[in-house]
Amino acid sequence: MKAVTFPGVNRIIVKEQPQYLQMTAMRLPGNEGEIIVCFELTDEELEEIRKTKRIYIKQLTFNTPYRPIMPLVDLSDAYVLPE
């Protein structure tokens, strides 16, 4: 699985931090601090999801409160891109 760019990207996350993979993201308007990142799965990962119907999410919290997440398969479920 790797982070990929997508329409609406306006940020780079973890820039110049070699211990992490750099990701592009879309920062949404508003005061909630919402961001969206996109990942592309390999054929092997897709096959495993097909078999198990499961994904796991690991999030580094650095011992701060866990923030809500919203896994999506369609960007329009979270945000309508301007035309």
N, C-alpha and C. Protein backbone atom coordinates (compact mmCIF):
# COMPACT_ATOMS: atom_id res chain seq x y z
N MET A 1 0.85 -1.16 0.00
CA MET A 1 0.00 0.00 0.00
C MET A 1 0.90 1.22 0.00
N LYS A 2 0.55 2.18 -0.85
CA LYS A 2 1.35 3.40 -0.89
C LYS A 2 0.43 4.60 -1.02
N ALA A 3 0.87 5.71 -0.46
CA ALA A 3 0.12 6.96 -0.58
C ALA A 3 0.28 7.48 -2.00
N VAL A 4 -0.80 7.97 -2.58
CA VAL A 4 -0.78 8.50 -3.94
C VAL A 4 -1.45 9.87 -3.96
N THR A 5 -1.12 10.64 -4.98
CA THR A 5 -1.73 11.95 -5.14
C THR A 5 -3.11 11.81 -5.79
N PHE A 6 -3.95 12.82 -5.65
CA PHE A 6 -5.30 12.78 -6.19
C PHE A 6 -5.79 14.21 -6.40
N PRO A 7 -6.86 14.42 -7.17
CA PRO A 7 -7.35 15.78 -7.40
C PRO A 7 -7.71 16.47 -6.09
N GLY A 8 -7.26 17.70 -5.94
CA GLY A 8 -7.54 18.47 -4.74
C GLY A 8 -6.40 18.52 -3.74
N VAL A 9 -5.33 17.77 -3.97
CA VAL A 9 -4.19 17.76 -3.04
C VAL A 9 -3.63 19.18 -2.91
N ASN A 10 -3.41 19.59 -1.67
CA ASN A 10 -2.87 20.93 -1.42
C ASN A 10 -1.87 20.96 -0.27
N ARG A 11 -1.42 19.79 0.17
CA ARG A 11 -0.46 19.71 1.28
C ARG A 11 0.49 18.54 1.07
N ILE A 12 1.66 18.64 1.68
CA ILE A 12 2.57 17.51 1.80
C ILE A 12 2.74 17.25 3.28
N ILE A 13 2.55 15.99 3.67
CA ILE A 13 2.64 15.60 5.08
C ILE A 13 3.95 14.85 5.29
N VAL A 14 4.54 15.03 6.43
CA VAL A 14 5.81 14.41 6.86
C VAL A 14 6.95 14.71 5.90
N LYS A 15 6.96 15.93 5.38
CA LYS A 15 8.04 16.36 4.51
C LYS A 15 9.33 16.43 5.32
N GLU A 16 10.40 15.90 4.76
CA GLU A 16 11.72 15.93 5.38
C GLU A 16 11.78 15.21 6.72
N GLN A 17 11.04 14.12 6.84
CA GLN A 17 11.12 13.26 8.02
C GLN A 17 11.42 11.84 7.50
N PRO A 18 12.69 11.48 7.37
CA PRO A 18 13.06 10.23 6.71
C PRO A 18 12.52 8.97 7.37
N GLN A 19 12.12 9.04 8.64
CA GLN A 19 11.59 7.85 9.30
C GLN A 19 10.16 7.53 8.84
N TYR A 20 9.51 8.46 8.12
CA TYR A 20 8.15 8.26 7.63
C TYR A 20 8.12 8.43 6.11
N LEU A 21 7.13 7.82 5.48
CA LEU A 21 6.93 8.03 4.05
C LEU A 21 6.18 9.34 3.84
N GLN A 22 6.63 10.12 2.88
CA GLN A 22 5.96 11.38 2.56
C GLN A 22 4.59 11.08 1.94
N MET A 23 3.58 11.88 2.30
CA MET A 23 2.24 11.72 1.74
C MET A 23 1.73 13.06 1.27
N THR A 24 0.95 13.02 0.20
CA THR A 24 0.23 14.21 -0.21
C THR A 24 -1.15 14.15 0.43
N ALA A 25 -1.75 15.32 0.64
CA ALA A 25 -3.05 15.35 1.32
C ALA A 25 -3.86 16.54 0.84
N MET A 26 -5.16 16.46 1.07
CA MET A 26 -6.06 17.58 0.84
C MET A 26 -6.51 18.09 2.19
N ARG A 27 -6.21 19.34 2.48
CA ARG A 27 -6.70 19.99 3.70
C ARG A 27 -8.03 20.61 3.35
N LEU A 28 -9.09 20.21 4.06
CA LEU A 28 -10.43 20.71 3.78
C LEU A 28 -10.65 22.04 4.48
N PRO A 29 -11.51 22.89 3.90
CA PRO A 29 -11.81 24.16 4.56
C PRO A 29 -12.56 23.92 5.87
N GLY A 30 -12.47 24.85 6.78
CA GLY A 30 -13.18 24.73 8.05
C GLY A 30 -12.22 24.71 9.22
N ASN A 31 -12.79 24.66 10.40
CA ASN A 31 -12.00 24.74 11.63
C ASN A 31 -11.70 23.38 12.27
N GLU A 32 -12.17 22.29 11.66
CA GLU A 32 -11.98 20.97 12.27
C GLU A 32 -10.59 20.38 11.99
N GLY A 33 -9.85 20.97 11.06
CA GLY A 33 -8.53 20.44 10.72
C GLY A 33 -8.60 19.15 9.94
N GLU A 34 -9.62 18.99 9.11
CA GLU A 34 -9.79 17.75 8.35
C GLU A 34 -8.79 17.65 7.20
N ILE A 35 -8.21 16.47 7.05
CA ILE A 35 -7.36 16.19 5.90
C ILE A 35 -7.79 14.85 5.31
N ILE A 36 -7.53 14.69 4.02
CA ILE A 36 -7.79 13.42 3.34
C ILE A 36 -6.50 13.00 2.64
N VAL A 37 -6.13 11.75 2.80
CA VAL A 37 -5.02 11.15 2.07
C VAL A 37 -5.56 9.97 1.29
N CYS A 38 -4.86 9.57 0.25
CA CYS A 38 -5.31 8.47 -0.60
C CYS A 38 -4.22 7.42 -0.70
N PHE A 39 -4.62 6.15 -0.62
CA PHE A 39 -3.68 5.03 -0.72
C PHE A 39 -4.08 4.12 -1.86
N GLU A 40 -3.09 3.60 -2.55
CA GLU A 40 -3.32 2.63 -3.61
C GLU A 40 -2.86 1.26 -3.11
N LEU A 41 -3.72 0.28 -3.26
CA LEU A 41 -3.43 -1.07 -2.79
C LEU A 41 -2.84 -1.92 -3.90
N THR A 42 -2.02 -2.88 -3.50
CA THR A 42 -1.47 -3.83 -4.45
C THR A 42 -2.52 -4.90 -4.76
N ASP A 43 -2.29 -5.66 -5.79
CA ASP A 43 -3.20 -6.77 -6.11
C ASP A 43 -3.27 -7.77 -4.96
N GLU A 44 -2.14 -8.00 -4.30
CA GLU A 44 -2.11 -8.94 -3.17
C GLU A 44 -2.96 -8.40 -2.00
N GLU A 45 -2.85 -7.13 -1.74
CA GLU A 45 -3.65 -6.53 -0.67
C GLU A 45 -5.14 -6.59 -1.00
N LEU A 46 -5.48 -6.31 -2.24
CA LEU A 46 -6.89 -6.40 -2.65
C LEU A 46 -7.42 -7.82 -2.50
N GLU A 47 -6.61 -8.80 -2.83
CA GLU A 47 -7.02 -10.20 -2.69
C GLU A 47 -7.24 -10.56 -1.22
N GLU A 48 -6.35 -10.08 -0.34
CA GLU A 48 -6.50 -10.34 1.09
C GLU A 48 -7.78 -9.70 1.63
N ILE A 49 -8.08 -8.49 1.20
CA ILE A 49 -9.32 -7.83 1.62
C ILE A 49 -10.52 -8.59 1.09
N ARG A 50 -10.43 -9.06 -0.14
CA ARG A 50 -11.53 -9.84 -0.71
C ARG A 50 -11.80 -11.09 0.12
N LYS A 51 -10.72 -11.75 0.57
CA LYS A 51 -10.88 -12.98 1.35
C LYS A 51 -11.38 -12.71 2.76
N THR A 52 -10.82 -11.70 3.42
CA THR A 52 -11.13 -11.48 4.83
C THR A 52 -12.20 -10.42 5.07
N LYS A 53 -12.40 -9.54 4.09
CA LYS A 53 -13.31 -8.39 4.21
C LYS A 53 -12.90 -7.49 5.37
N ARG A 54 -11.60 -7.39 5.63
CA ARG A 54 -11.10 -6.60 6.75
C ARG A 54 -9.93 -5.72 6.33
N ILE A 55 -9.83 -4.57 7.01
CA ILE A 55 -8.63 -3.75 6.95
C ILE A 55 -8.29 -3.38 8.39
N TYR A 56 -7.05 -3.10 8.63
CA TYR A 56 -6.60 -2.65 9.94
C TYR A 56 -6.00 -1.27 9.77
N ILE A 57 -6.15 -0.42 10.77
CA ILE A 57 -5.61 0.93 10.71
C ILE A 57 -4.71 1.13 11.92
N LYS A 58 -3.48 1.49 11.66
CA LYS A 58 -2.53 1.82 12.72
C LYS A 58 -2.34 3.33 12.70
N GLN A 59 -2.51 3.96 13.83
CA GLN A 59 -2.36 5.41 13.92
C GLN A 59 -1.44 5.75 15.07
N LEU A 60 -0.44 6.56 14.80
CA LEU A 60 0.45 7.03 15.85
C LEU A 60 -0.23 8.17 16.58
N THR A 61 -0.43 8.03 17.87
CA THR A 61 -1.09 9.08 18.65
C THR A 61 -0.11 9.86 19.51
N PHE A 62 1.09 9.33 19.68
CA PHE A 62 2.10 9.96 20.53
C PHE A 62 1.53 10.27 21.91
N ASN A 63 0.71 9.33 22.39
CA ASN A 63 0.10 9.40 23.71
C ASN A 63 -0.83 10.59 23.91
N THR A 64 -1.43 11.06 22.81
CA THR A 64 -2.47 12.07 22.89
C THR A 64 -3.80 11.38 22.62
N PRO A 65 -4.92 12.03 22.88
CA PRO A 65 -6.21 11.36 22.63
C PRO A 65 -6.33 10.91 21.17
N TYR A 66 -6.94 9.75 21.00
CA TYR A 66 -7.16 9.19 19.66
C TYR A 66 -8.12 10.08 18.90
N ARG A 67 -7.79 10.41 17.68
CA ARG A 67 -8.63 11.25 16.84
C ARG A 67 -9.53 10.38 15.97
N PRO A 68 -10.76 10.80 15.74
CA PRO A 68 -11.66 10.03 14.88
C PRO A 68 -11.10 9.90 13.47
N ILE A 69 -11.38 8.79 12.84
CA ILE A 69 -11.01 8.58 11.45
C ILE A 69 -12.25 8.16 10.68
N MET A 70 -12.19 8.29 9.35
CA MET A 70 -13.31 7.91 8.51
C MET A 70 -12.76 7.24 7.25
N PRO A 71 -12.58 5.91 7.26
CA PRO A 71 -12.13 5.24 6.04
C PRO A 71 -13.17 5.43 4.93
N LEU A 72 -12.70 5.68 3.73
CA LEU A 72 -13.57 5.92 2.58
C LEU A 72 -13.12 5.10 1.38
N VAL A 73 -14.03 4.81 0.50
CA VAL A 73 -13.66 4.24 -0.79
C VAL A 73 -13.99 5.20 -1.93
N ASP A 74 -14.71 6.28 -1.61
CA ASP A 74 -15.10 7.27 -2.61
C ASP A 74 -14.91 8.65 -2.00
N LEU A 75 -14.07 9.45 -2.61
CA LEU A 75 -13.77 10.78 -2.09
C LEU A 75 -15.04 11.63 -1.92
N SER A 76 -16.01 11.43 -2.78
CA SER A 76 -17.23 12.24 -2.69
C SER A 76 -18.04 11.93 -1.43
N ASP A 77 -17.73 10.86 -0.72
CA ASP A 77 -18.40 10.57 0.55
C ASP A 77 -17.98 11.56 1.64
N ALA A 78 -16.87 12.26 1.45
CA ALA A 78 -16.37 13.17 2.48
C ALA A 78 -16.35 14.62 2.03
N TYR A 79 -16.28 14.84 0.73
CA TYR A 79 -16.08 16.18 0.25
C TYR A 79 -16.48 16.25 -1.20
N VAL A 80 -17.18 17.31 -1.57
CA VAL A 80 -17.55 17.53 -2.97
C VAL A 80 -16.52 18.48 -3.56
N LEU A 81 -15.78 17.99 -4.55
CA LEU A 81 -14.76 18.83 -5.19
C LEU A 81 -15.41 19.92 -6.00
N PRO A 82 -14.84 21.12 -5.99
CA PRO A 82 -15.36 22.18 -6.85
C PRO A 82 -15.20 21.79 -8.31
N GLU A 83 -16.14 22.20 -9.13
CA GLU A 83 -16.06 21.85 -10.56
C GLU A 83 -15.23 22.83 -11.34
